């Protein structure tokens, strides 16, 4: 499989993932407020090299690969460099279509506790802004809750070796850009 085909398949899975998590959030009345990008400012946001391939290809196609590699090399900011800060609690992803899985699953998602019971993980700002909806969501036992682990397993079917090593998002983007640069040396992209 070539790199474009791989990125296309990943994007298809990303679209399904994003729709699933967004629909669940809307159903619970806990959708992310328009323009909120606080999660993007968290220095602990991570990704795998694989998840950043679509964005790296976009940057390559725009002819900005070297510019981004230099930017990432000299970066002193700990949050995602793709984030477009608008001040206060406002901002947005500068490459929303290519954002990695964590960014698609964040907000409201399910995980399995030690007893394999579905438990909700809800953004602290959603909890703060929508306390009634949050309480209602936490008391429901919704079998349709999308589970983080399940979607991570879907991703691992595309390329198990590239998904498991998680790193800070800017580092993952840098590695993906380096991989695209190397790939472009030996293959037609």
N, C-alpha and C. Protein backbone atom coordinates (compact mmCIF):
# COMPACT_ATOMS: atom_id res chain seq x y z
N UNK A 1 0.85 -1.17 0.00
CA UNK A 1 0.00 0.00 0.00
C UNK A 1 0.90 1.23 0.00
N UNK A 2 0.58 2.20 -0.87
CA UNK A 2 1.38 3.42 -0.88
C UNK A 2 0.91 4.39 0.19
N UNK A 3 1.67 5.44 0.41
CA UNK A 3 1.41 6.37 1.51
C UNK A 3 0.10 7.12 1.33
N UNK A 4 -0.26 7.44 0.10
CA UNK A 4 -1.52 8.15 -0.16
C UNK A 4 -2.72 7.25 0.14
N UNK A 5 -2.62 6.01 -0.28
CA UNK A 5 -3.70 5.05 -0.01
C UNK A 5 -3.85 4.85 1.51
N UNK A 6 -2.73 4.74 2.18
CA UNK A 6 -2.76 4.59 3.63
C UNK A 6 -3.43 5.80 4.28
N UNK A 7 -3.04 7.00 3.88
CA UNK A 7 -3.62 8.23 4.43
C UNK A 7 -5.11 8.32 4.12
N UNK A 8 -5.51 7.90 2.93
CA UNK A 8 -6.92 7.91 2.55
C UNK A 8 -7.72 6.98 3.48
N UNK A 9 -7.20 5.78 3.70
CA UNK A 9 -7.88 4.83 4.59
C UNK A 9 -7.95 5.35 6.03
N UNK A 10 -6.89 6.00 6.47
CA UNK A 10 -6.88 6.59 7.81
C UNK A 10 -7.90 7.72 7.90
N UNK A 11 -7.97 8.55 6.88
CA UNK A 11 -8.94 9.65 6.88
C UNK A 11 -10.38 9.13 6.90
N UNK A 12 -10.65 8.05 6.19
CA UNK A 12 -11.99 7.46 6.22
C UNK A 12 -12.35 7.01 7.63
N UNK A 13 -11.41 6.38 8.31
CA UNK A 13 -11.64 5.94 9.68
C UNK A 13 -11.78 7.16 10.60
N UNK A 14 -10.99 8.18 10.38
CA UNK A 14 -11.08 9.41 11.16
C UNK A 14 -12.47 10.05 11.02
N UNK A 15 -12.99 10.08 9.79
CA UNK A 15 -14.31 10.68 9.58
C UNK A 15 -15.38 9.92 10.34
N UNK A 16 -15.33 8.60 10.26
CA UNK A 16 -16.30 7.77 10.99
C UNK A 16 -16.16 7.99 12.50
N UNK A 17 -14.94 8.04 12.96
CA UNK A 17 -14.66 8.26 14.38
C UNK A 17 -15.22 9.61 14.82
N UNK A 18 -14.90 10.65 14.09
CA UNK A 18 -15.35 11.99 14.44
C UNK A 18 -16.87 12.09 14.47
N UNK A 19 -17.53 11.49 13.48
CA UNK A 19 -18.99 11.51 13.43
C UNK A 19 -19.58 10.76 14.61
N UNK A 20 -19.01 9.63 14.95
CA UNK A 20 -19.52 8.82 16.06
C UNK A 20 -19.42 9.56 17.38
N UNK A 21 -18.26 10.12 17.67
CA UNK A 21 -18.07 10.82 18.94
C UNK A 21 -18.88 12.12 18.99
N UNK A 22 -18.93 12.85 17.89
CA UNK A 22 -19.70 14.10 17.86
C UNK A 22 -21.19 13.83 18.04
N UNK A 23 -21.69 12.79 17.38
CA UNK A 23 -23.11 12.45 17.51
C UNK A 23 -23.45 12.06 18.94
N UNK A 24 -22.55 11.33 19.59
CA UNK A 24 -22.79 10.93 20.98
C UNK A 24 -22.79 12.15 21.89
N UNK A 25 -21.86 13.06 21.68
CA UNK A 25 -21.82 14.29 22.48
C UNK A 25 -23.12 15.08 22.30
N UNK A 26 -23.56 15.21 21.06
CA UNK A 26 -24.79 15.97 20.78
C UNK A 26 -26.00 15.31 21.44
N UNK A 27 -26.04 13.99 21.38
CA UNK A 27 -27.14 13.24 22.00
C UNK A 27 -27.21 13.51 23.50
N UNK A 28 -26.06 13.67 24.14
CA UNK A 28 -26.00 13.93 25.57
C UNK A 28 -26.15 15.42 25.91
N UNK A 29 -26.16 16.27 24.89
CA UNK A 29 -26.21 17.71 25.14
C UNK A 29 -24.90 18.26 25.65
N UNK A 30 -23.80 17.59 25.29
CA UNK A 30 -22.47 17.97 25.77
C UNK A 30 -21.50 18.21 24.61
N UNK A 31 -21.96 18.87 23.58
CA UNK A 31 -21.09 19.18 22.45
C UNK A 31 -20.12 20.29 22.84
N UNK A 32 -18.94 20.23 22.27
CA UNK A 32 -17.95 21.26 22.54
C UNK A 32 -18.47 22.60 22.04
N UNK A 33 -18.31 23.65 22.84
CA UNK A 33 -18.75 24.98 22.40
C UNK A 33 -17.96 25.42 21.17
N UNK A 34 -18.63 26.08 20.26
CA UNK A 34 -17.98 26.57 19.05
C UNK A 34 -16.83 27.49 19.42
N UNK A 35 -15.69 27.25 18.82
CA UNK A 35 -14.53 28.11 19.06
C UNK A 35 -13.71 27.77 20.29
N UNK A 36 -14.12 26.75 21.04
CA UNK A 36 -13.34 26.37 22.22
C UNK A 36 -12.19 25.48 21.78
N UNK A 37 -11.01 25.82 22.20
CA UNK A 37 -9.85 25.02 21.86
C UNK A 37 -8.95 24.79 23.06
N UNK A 38 -9.52 24.82 24.24
CA UNK A 38 -8.72 24.69 25.45
C UNK A 38 -7.96 23.38 25.51
N UNK A 39 -8.55 22.32 25.00
CA UNK A 39 -7.86 21.02 25.04
C UNK A 39 -6.58 21.07 24.20
N UNK A 40 -6.57 21.90 23.17
CA UNK A 40 -5.39 22.03 22.30
C UNK A 40 -4.20 22.67 23.01
N UNK A 41 -4.49 23.38 24.09
CA UNK A 41 -3.42 24.05 24.84
C UNK A 41 -2.78 23.15 25.88
N UNK A 42 -3.33 21.96 26.05
CA UNK A 42 -2.80 21.01 27.02
C UNK A 42 -1.47 20.44 26.50
N UNK A 43 -0.38 20.59 27.24
CA UNK A 43 0.91 20.08 26.77
C UNK A 43 1.00 18.55 26.76
N UNK A 44 0.01 17.89 27.36
CA UNK A 44 0.03 16.43 27.42
C UNK A 44 -0.68 15.75 26.25
N UNK A 45 -1.19 16.53 25.29
CA UNK A 45 -1.84 15.93 24.12
C UNK A 45 -0.78 15.14 23.36
N UNK A 46 -1.11 13.88 23.09
CA UNK A 46 -0.14 13.05 22.39
C UNK A 46 -0.77 12.43 21.15
N UNK A 47 0.08 11.85 20.34
CA UNK A 47 -0.34 11.19 19.10
C UNK A 47 0.76 10.21 18.72
N UNK A 48 0.45 9.40 17.74
CA UNK A 48 1.47 8.51 17.19
C UNK A 48 1.91 9.08 15.85
N UNK A 49 3.03 8.62 15.38
CA UNK A 49 3.51 9.01 14.06
C UNK A 49 2.44 8.73 13.01
N UNK A 50 1.81 7.56 13.09
CA UNK A 50 0.80 7.16 12.11
C UNK A 50 -0.34 8.17 12.03
N UNK A 51 -0.79 8.65 13.17
CA UNK A 51 -1.93 9.55 13.20
C UNK A 51 -1.63 10.89 12.55
N UNK A 52 -0.38 11.24 12.45
CA UNK A 52 0.01 12.54 11.90
C UNK A 52 0.36 12.47 10.41
N UNK A 53 0.32 11.29 9.82
CA UNK A 53 0.64 11.14 8.39
C UNK A 53 -0.27 12.00 7.50
N UNK A 54 -1.60 12.02 7.70
CA UNK A 54 -2.42 12.87 6.82
C UNK A 54 -2.02 14.35 6.88
N UNK A 55 -1.73 14.85 8.06
CA UNK A 55 -1.31 16.25 8.19
C UNK A 55 0.05 16.46 7.54
N UNK A 56 0.96 15.52 7.74
CA UNK A 56 2.29 15.63 7.13
C UNK A 56 2.18 15.65 5.60
N UNK A 57 1.30 14.82 5.05
CA UNK A 57 1.09 14.83 3.60
C UNK A 57 0.51 16.16 3.12
N UNK A 58 -0.41 16.70 3.88
CA UNK A 58 -0.99 18.00 3.52
C UNK A 58 0.10 19.08 3.50
N UNK A 59 0.93 19.08 4.52
CA UNK A 59 2.03 20.05 4.60
C UNK A 59 2.99 19.85 3.42
N UNK A 60 3.29 18.60 3.08
CA UNK A 60 4.15 18.28 1.94
C UNK A 60 3.52 18.82 0.65
N UNK A 61 2.22 18.55 0.47
CA UNK A 61 1.51 18.99 -0.74
C UNK A 61 1.48 20.51 -0.87
N UNK A 62 1.47 21.21 0.26
CA UNK A 62 1.46 22.68 0.25
C UNK A 62 2.87 23.24 0.03
N UNK A 63 3.87 22.35 -0.05
CA UNK A 63 5.24 22.79 -0.25
C UNK A 63 5.86 23.43 0.99
N UNK A 64 5.35 23.06 2.16
CA UNK A 64 5.82 23.68 3.40
C UNK A 64 6.54 22.70 4.33
N UNK A 65 6.99 21.58 3.80
CA UNK A 65 7.62 20.57 4.63
C UNK A 65 8.85 21.11 5.36
N UNK A 66 9.76 21.72 4.63
CA UNK A 66 10.99 22.25 5.24
C UNK A 66 10.67 23.34 6.26
N UNK A 67 9.73 24.22 5.91
CA UNK A 67 9.32 25.30 6.82
C UNK A 67 8.81 24.73 8.14
N UNK A 68 7.98 23.69 8.05
CA UNK A 68 7.42 23.08 9.27
C UNK A 68 8.48 22.31 10.06
N UNK A 69 9.38 21.64 9.37
CA UNK A 69 10.45 20.95 10.09
C UNK A 69 11.30 21.95 10.87
N UNK A 70 11.61 23.07 10.26
CA UNK A 70 12.38 24.10 10.96
C UNK A 70 11.59 24.66 12.14
N UNK A 71 10.32 24.90 11.91
CA UNK A 71 9.46 25.44 12.97
C UNK A 71 9.40 24.48 14.16
N UNK A 72 9.26 23.19 13.88
CA UNK A 72 9.18 22.19 14.94
C UNK A 72 10.53 22.01 15.63
N UNK A 73 11.60 22.13 14.88
CA UNK A 73 12.95 21.99 15.44
C UNK A 73 13.26 23.10 16.44
N UNK A 74 12.80 24.30 16.15
CA UNK A 74 13.10 25.44 17.02
C UNK A 74 11.95 25.75 17.99
N UNK A 75 10.97 24.90 18.04
CA UNK A 75 9.78 25.13 18.86
C UNK A 75 10.08 25.14 20.36
N UNK A 76 9.52 26.12 21.06
CA UNK A 76 9.62 26.18 22.51
C UNK A 76 8.23 26.11 23.16
N UNK A 77 7.21 25.97 22.33
CA UNK A 77 5.82 25.91 22.82
C UNK A 77 5.47 24.45 23.09
N UNK A 78 4.85 24.18 24.24
CA UNK A 78 4.56 22.79 24.60
C UNK A 78 3.21 22.31 24.07
N UNK A 79 2.33 23.22 23.68
CA UNK A 79 1.03 22.79 23.14
C UNK A 79 1.11 22.61 21.63
N UNK A 80 0.05 22.10 21.05
CA UNK A 80 0.02 21.80 19.61
C UNK A 80 0.25 23.06 18.77
N UNK A 81 1.22 22.99 17.86
CA UNK A 81 1.55 24.13 17.01
C UNK A 81 0.50 24.38 15.92
N UNK A 82 -0.37 23.44 15.70
CA UNK A 82 -1.41 23.61 14.69
C UNK A 82 -2.53 24.51 15.22
N UNK A 83 -2.64 24.60 16.54
CA UNK A 83 -3.69 25.37 17.18
C UNK A 83 -3.59 26.85 16.83
N UNK A 84 -4.71 27.43 16.46
CA UNK A 84 -4.80 28.85 16.12
C UNK A 84 -5.48 29.58 17.29
N UNK A 85 -4.69 30.20 18.15
CA UNK A 85 -5.20 30.86 19.35
C UNK A 85 -5.89 32.17 18.98
N UNK A 86 -7.10 32.34 19.50
CA UNK A 86 -7.87 33.55 19.27
C UNK A 86 -8.02 34.37 20.56
N UNK A 87 -7.35 33.94 21.62
CA UNK A 87 -7.40 34.65 22.90
C UNK A 87 -8.51 34.12 23.80
N UNK A 88 -8.27 34.20 25.09
CA UNK A 88 -9.25 33.69 26.06
C UNK A 88 -9.46 32.20 25.89
N UNK A 89 -10.71 31.78 25.85
CA UNK A 89 -11.04 30.37 25.64
C UNK A 89 -11.33 30.10 24.17
N UNK A 90 -10.94 31.00 23.30
CA UNK A 90 -11.26 30.87 21.88
C UNK A 90 -10.04 30.46 21.08
N UNK A 91 -10.29 29.60 20.11
CA UNK A 91 -9.25 29.14 19.21
C UNK A 91 -9.79 28.00 18.38
N UNK A 92 -8.97 27.52 17.46
CA UNK A 92 -9.41 26.44 16.60
C UNK A 92 -8.22 25.67 16.04
N UNK A 93 -8.52 24.48 15.57
CA UNK A 93 -7.49 23.66 14.93
C UNK A 93 -7.20 24.21 13.55
N UNK A 94 -5.95 24.43 13.26
CA UNK A 94 -5.54 24.95 11.97
C UNK A 94 -5.58 23.91 10.86
N UNK A 95 -5.84 22.68 11.21
CA UNK A 95 -5.94 21.61 10.22
C UNK A 95 -6.94 20.56 10.72
N UNK A 96 -8.15 20.99 10.91
CA UNK A 96 -9.21 20.20 11.54
C UNK A 96 -9.44 18.85 10.86
N UNK A 97 -9.43 18.83 9.55
CA UNK A 97 -9.69 17.57 8.82
C UNK A 97 -8.61 16.53 9.07
N UNK A 98 -7.40 16.96 9.37
CA UNK A 98 -6.28 16.05 9.56
C UNK A 98 -5.93 15.82 11.03
N UNK A 99 -6.71 16.31 11.94
CA UNK A 99 -6.38 16.17 13.37
C UNK A 99 -6.33 14.69 13.75
N UNK A 100 -5.50 14.34 14.75
CA UNK A 100 -5.34 12.93 15.15
C UNK A 100 -6.53 12.42 15.98
N UNK A 101 -6.49 11.16 16.31
CA UNK A 101 -7.63 10.49 16.95
C UNK A 101 -8.01 11.09 18.30
N UNK A 102 -7.04 11.41 19.14
CA UNK A 102 -7.37 11.95 20.46
C UNK A 102 -8.23 13.20 20.33
N UNK A 103 -7.92 14.03 19.36
CA UNK A 103 -8.68 15.26 19.13
C UNK A 103 -10.10 14.95 18.67
N UNK A 104 -10.31 13.83 18.04
CA UNK A 104 -11.64 13.44 17.58
C UNK A 104 -12.45 12.78 18.68
N UNK A 105 -11.76 12.14 19.62
CA UNK A 105 -12.45 11.39 20.67
C UNK A 105 -12.62 12.19 21.95
N UNK A 106 -11.95 13.32 22.06
CA UNK A 106 -11.99 14.09 23.29
C UNK A 106 -13.34 14.80 23.44
N UNK A 107 -13.67 15.16 24.64
CA UNK A 107 -14.93 15.83 24.94
C UNK A 107 -15.76 14.95 25.83
N UNK A 108 -16.37 13.96 25.21
CA UNK A 108 -17.14 12.95 25.93
C UNK A 108 -16.84 11.61 25.26
N UNK A 109 -16.30 10.70 26.02
CA UNK A 109 -16.01 9.38 25.48
C UNK A 109 -16.08 8.36 26.61
N UNK A 110 -16.13 7.11 26.21
CA UNK A 110 -16.21 6.05 27.20
C UNK A 110 -14.91 5.28 27.32
N UNK A 111 -14.69 4.77 28.50
CA UNK A 111 -13.59 3.85 28.72
C UNK A 111 -14.09 2.77 29.66
N UNK A 112 -13.39 1.67 29.70
CA UNK A 112 -13.79 0.57 30.56
C UNK A 112 -12.98 0.64 31.85
N UNK A 113 -13.68 0.62 32.97
CA UNK A 113 -12.99 0.64 34.25
C UNK A 113 -12.43 -0.75 34.56
N UNK A 114 -11.86 -0.93 35.73
CA UNK A 114 -11.22 -2.21 36.06
C UNK A 114 -12.21 -3.37 36.10
N UNK A 115 -13.50 -3.06 36.22
CA UNK A 115 -14.54 -4.11 36.21
C UNK A 115 -15.20 -4.26 34.85
N UNK A 116 -14.57 -3.62 33.82
CA UNK A 116 -15.08 -3.65 32.45
C UNK A 116 -16.43 -2.95 32.31
N UNK A 117 -16.71 -2.02 33.22
CA UNK A 117 -17.94 -1.22 33.16
C UNK A 117 -17.63 0.06 32.39
N UNK A 118 -18.55 0.43 31.48
CA UNK A 118 -18.36 1.65 30.71
C UNK A 118 -18.47 2.86 31.64
N UNK A 119 -17.45 3.69 31.59
CA UNK A 119 -17.38 4.90 32.39
C UNK A 119 -17.15 6.07 31.44
N UNK A 120 -17.76 7.20 31.73
CA UNK A 120 -17.59 8.36 30.86
C UNK A 120 -16.41 9.22 31.29
N UNK A 121 -15.69 9.68 30.31
CA UNK A 121 -14.67 10.69 30.50
C UNK A 121 -15.24 11.95 29.86
N UNK A 122 -15.38 13.02 30.64
CA UNK A 122 -15.99 14.25 30.15
C UNK A 122 -15.01 15.40 30.40
N UNK A 123 -14.84 16.21 29.40
CA UNK A 123 -13.99 17.40 29.49
C UNK A 123 -14.39 18.24 30.70
N UNK A 124 -13.42 18.73 31.44
CA UNK A 124 -13.71 19.51 32.64
C UNK A 124 -14.46 20.80 32.31
N UNK A 125 -14.22 21.38 31.15
CA UNK A 125 -14.95 22.59 30.78
C UNK A 125 -16.41 22.28 30.45
N UNK A 126 -16.66 21.12 29.85
CA UNK A 126 -18.05 20.72 29.60
C UNK A 126 -18.76 20.47 30.92
N UNK A 127 -18.05 19.84 31.86
CA UNK A 127 -18.63 19.61 33.18
C UNK A 127 -18.99 20.95 33.84
N UNK A 128 -18.10 21.90 33.71
CA UNK A 128 -18.29 23.22 34.31
C UNK A 128 -19.43 23.99 33.63
N UNK A 129 -19.45 23.97 32.30
CA UNK A 129 -20.43 24.74 31.55
C UNK A 129 -21.82 24.09 31.49
N UNK A 130 -21.86 22.76 31.62
CA UNK A 130 -23.12 22.02 31.50
C UNK A 130 -23.28 21.04 32.65
N UNK A 131 -23.41 21.53 33.88
CA UNK A 131 -23.45 20.62 35.03
C UNK A 131 -24.66 19.68 35.03
N UNK A 132 -25.83 20.15 34.62
CA UNK A 132 -27.01 19.29 34.61
C UNK A 132 -26.88 18.18 33.57
N UNK A 133 -26.44 18.54 32.38
CA UNK A 133 -26.26 17.57 31.31
C UNK A 133 -25.19 16.54 31.68
N UNK A 134 -24.14 17.04 32.34
CA UNK A 134 -23.07 16.16 32.79
C UNK A 134 -23.59 15.14 33.80
N UNK A 135 -24.32 15.61 34.78
CA UNK A 135 -24.86 14.71 35.81
C UNK A 135 -25.78 13.67 35.18
N UNK A 136 -26.61 14.11 34.26
CA UNK A 136 -27.53 13.18 33.59
C UNK A 136 -26.75 12.13 32.79
N UNK A 137 -25.72 12.59 32.07
CA UNK A 137 -24.91 11.66 31.26
C UNK A 137 -24.19 10.65 32.15
N UNK A 138 -23.69 11.11 33.29
CA UNK A 138 -22.95 10.22 34.18
C UNK A 138 -23.85 9.16 34.84
N UNK A 139 -25.12 9.45 34.97
CA UNK A 139 -26.03 8.48 35.60
C UNK A 139 -26.68 7.53 34.61
N UNK A 140 -26.58 7.85 33.32
CA UNK A 140 -27.14 6.97 32.29
C UNK A 140 -26.20 5.79 32.06
N UNK A 141 -26.78 4.69 31.67
CA UNK A 141 -25.98 3.54 31.25
C UNK A 141 -26.25 3.35 29.77
N UNK A 142 -25.50 4.06 28.96
CA UNK A 142 -25.74 4.10 27.52
C UNK A 142 -24.82 3.10 26.81
N UNK A 143 -25.43 2.07 26.25
CA UNK A 143 -24.64 1.05 25.56
C UNK A 143 -24.08 1.56 24.23
N UNK A 144 -24.56 2.72 23.78
CA UNK A 144 -24.07 3.29 22.52
C UNK A 144 -22.86 4.20 22.73
N UNK A 145 -22.39 4.32 23.96
CA UNK A 145 -21.23 5.17 24.23
C UNK A 145 -20.02 4.67 23.46
N UNK A 146 -19.40 5.53 22.64
CA UNK A 146 -18.19 5.09 21.95
C UNK A 146 -17.04 4.91 22.94
N UNK A 147 -16.35 3.80 22.83
CA UNK A 147 -15.28 3.43 23.76
C UNK A 147 -13.92 3.74 23.12
N UNK A 148 -13.09 4.44 23.86
CA UNK A 148 -11.75 4.81 23.37
C UNK A 148 -10.96 3.61 22.89
N UNK A 149 -10.93 2.56 23.70
CA UNK A 149 -10.14 1.37 23.37
C UNK A 149 -10.58 0.75 22.05
N UNK A 150 -11.89 0.68 21.81
CA UNK A 150 -12.40 0.08 20.59
C UNK A 150 -11.91 0.84 19.35
N UNK A 151 -11.97 2.17 19.44
CA UNK A 151 -11.53 2.96 18.29
C UNK A 151 -10.02 2.92 18.13
N UNK A 152 -9.30 2.81 19.21
CA UNK A 152 -7.84 2.65 19.11
C UNK A 152 -7.50 1.32 18.43
N UNK A 153 -8.28 0.30 18.73
CA UNK A 153 -8.07 -1.00 18.06
C UNK A 153 -8.35 -0.91 16.57
N UNK A 154 -9.38 -0.16 16.19
CA UNK A 154 -9.65 0.07 14.77
C UNK A 154 -8.44 0.70 14.09
N UNK A 155 -7.88 1.70 14.75
CA UNK A 155 -6.70 2.37 14.19
C UNK A 155 -5.53 1.42 14.04
N UNK A 156 -5.35 0.56 15.03
CA UNK A 156 -4.20 -0.34 14.99
C UNK A 156 -4.27 -1.34 13.85
N UNK A 157 -5.45 -1.57 13.29
CA UNK A 157 -5.55 -2.49 12.16
C UNK A 157 -4.91 -1.92 10.90
N UNK A 158 -4.78 -0.60 10.84
CA UNK A 158 -4.17 0.02 9.66
C UNK A 158 -2.66 -0.19 9.63
N UNK A 159 -2.02 -0.04 10.78
CA UNK A 159 -0.58 -0.25 10.86
C UNK A 159 -0.18 -0.39 12.33
N UNK A 160 -0.22 -1.61 12.86
CA UNK A 160 0.02 -1.81 14.29
C UNK A 160 1.37 -1.27 14.79
N UNK A 161 2.39 -1.30 13.97
CA UNK A 161 3.71 -0.85 14.42
C UNK A 161 3.80 0.66 14.61
N UNK A 162 3.01 1.41 13.85
CA UNK A 162 3.13 2.87 13.90
C UNK A 162 2.18 3.54 14.88
N UNK A 163 1.23 2.81 15.43
CA UNK A 163 0.22 3.42 16.30
C UNK A 163 0.60 3.37 17.78
N UNK A 164 1.39 2.40 18.17
CA UNK A 164 1.59 2.16 19.60
C UNK A 164 2.55 3.12 20.30
N UNK A 165 3.48 3.68 19.58
CA UNK A 165 4.42 4.61 20.21
C UNK A 165 3.79 6.01 20.24
N UNK A 166 3.36 6.43 21.42
CA UNK A 166 2.73 7.73 21.60
C UNK A 166 3.80 8.73 22.05
N UNK A 167 3.65 9.96 21.60
CA UNK A 167 4.61 11.01 21.94
C UNK A 167 3.87 12.35 21.91
N UNK A 168 4.47 13.40 22.44
CA UNK A 168 3.84 14.71 22.35
C UNK A 168 3.48 15.02 20.90
N UNK A 169 2.36 15.70 20.70
CA UNK A 169 1.81 15.89 19.36
C UNK A 169 2.79 16.57 18.40
N UNK A 170 3.54 17.56 18.87
CA UNK A 170 4.49 18.23 17.99
C UNK A 170 5.63 17.30 17.58
N UNK A 171 6.05 16.45 18.49
CA UNK A 171 7.08 15.46 18.17
C UNK A 171 6.57 14.44 17.15
N UNK A 172 5.31 14.03 17.32
CA UNK A 172 4.71 13.08 16.37
C UNK A 172 4.61 13.69 14.99
N UNK A 173 4.25 14.96 14.92
CA UNK A 173 4.18 15.64 13.62
C UNK A 173 5.56 15.72 12.99
N UNK A 174 6.56 16.06 13.78
CA UNK A 174 7.93 16.14 13.26
C UNK A 174 8.37 14.79 12.69
N UNK A 175 8.12 13.72 13.42
CA UNK A 175 8.49 12.38 12.93
C UNK A 175 7.73 12.01 11.66
N UNK A 176 6.46 12.40 11.60
CA UNK A 176 5.66 12.11 10.40
C UNK A 176 6.20 12.89 9.20
N UNK A 177 6.57 14.14 9.41
CA UNK A 177 7.15 14.94 8.32
C UNK A 177 8.47 14.34 7.84
N UNK A 178 9.29 13.89 8.79
CA UNK A 178 10.55 13.25 8.42
C UNK A 178 10.31 11.97 7.63
N UNK A 179 9.30 11.23 8.02
CA UNK A 179 8.96 10.00 7.31
C UNK A 179 8.49 10.31 5.88
N UNK A 180 7.67 11.35 5.74
CA UNK A 180 7.19 11.75 4.41
C UNK A 180 8.37 12.22 3.55
N UNK A 181 9.28 12.98 4.13
CA UNK A 181 10.46 13.46 3.40
C UNK A 181 11.29 12.28 2.90
N UNK A 182 11.50 11.31 3.78
CA UNK A 182 12.26 10.11 3.39
C UNK A 182 11.52 9.32 2.32
N UNK A 183 10.24 9.14 2.52
CA UNK A 183 9.42 8.40 1.55
C UNK A 183 9.48 9.07 0.18
N UNK A 184 9.41 10.41 0.15
CA UNK A 184 9.42 11.17 -1.10
C UNK A 184 10.74 11.01 -1.85
N UNK A 185 11.83 10.74 -1.13
CA UNK A 185 13.12 10.52 -1.77
C UNK A 185 13.14 9.27 -2.63
N UNK A 186 12.37 8.26 -2.22
CA UNK A 186 12.46 6.95 -2.88
C UNK A 186 11.20 6.53 -3.61
N UNK A 187 10.11 7.26 -3.41
CA UNK A 187 8.84 6.90 -4.03
C UNK A 187 8.17 8.16 -4.57
N UNK A 188 7.31 7.94 -5.54
CA UNK A 188 6.50 9.04 -6.02
C UNK A 188 5.33 9.19 -5.04
N UNK A 189 5.12 10.40 -4.58
CA UNK A 189 4.01 10.63 -3.63
C UNK A 189 2.83 11.16 -4.37
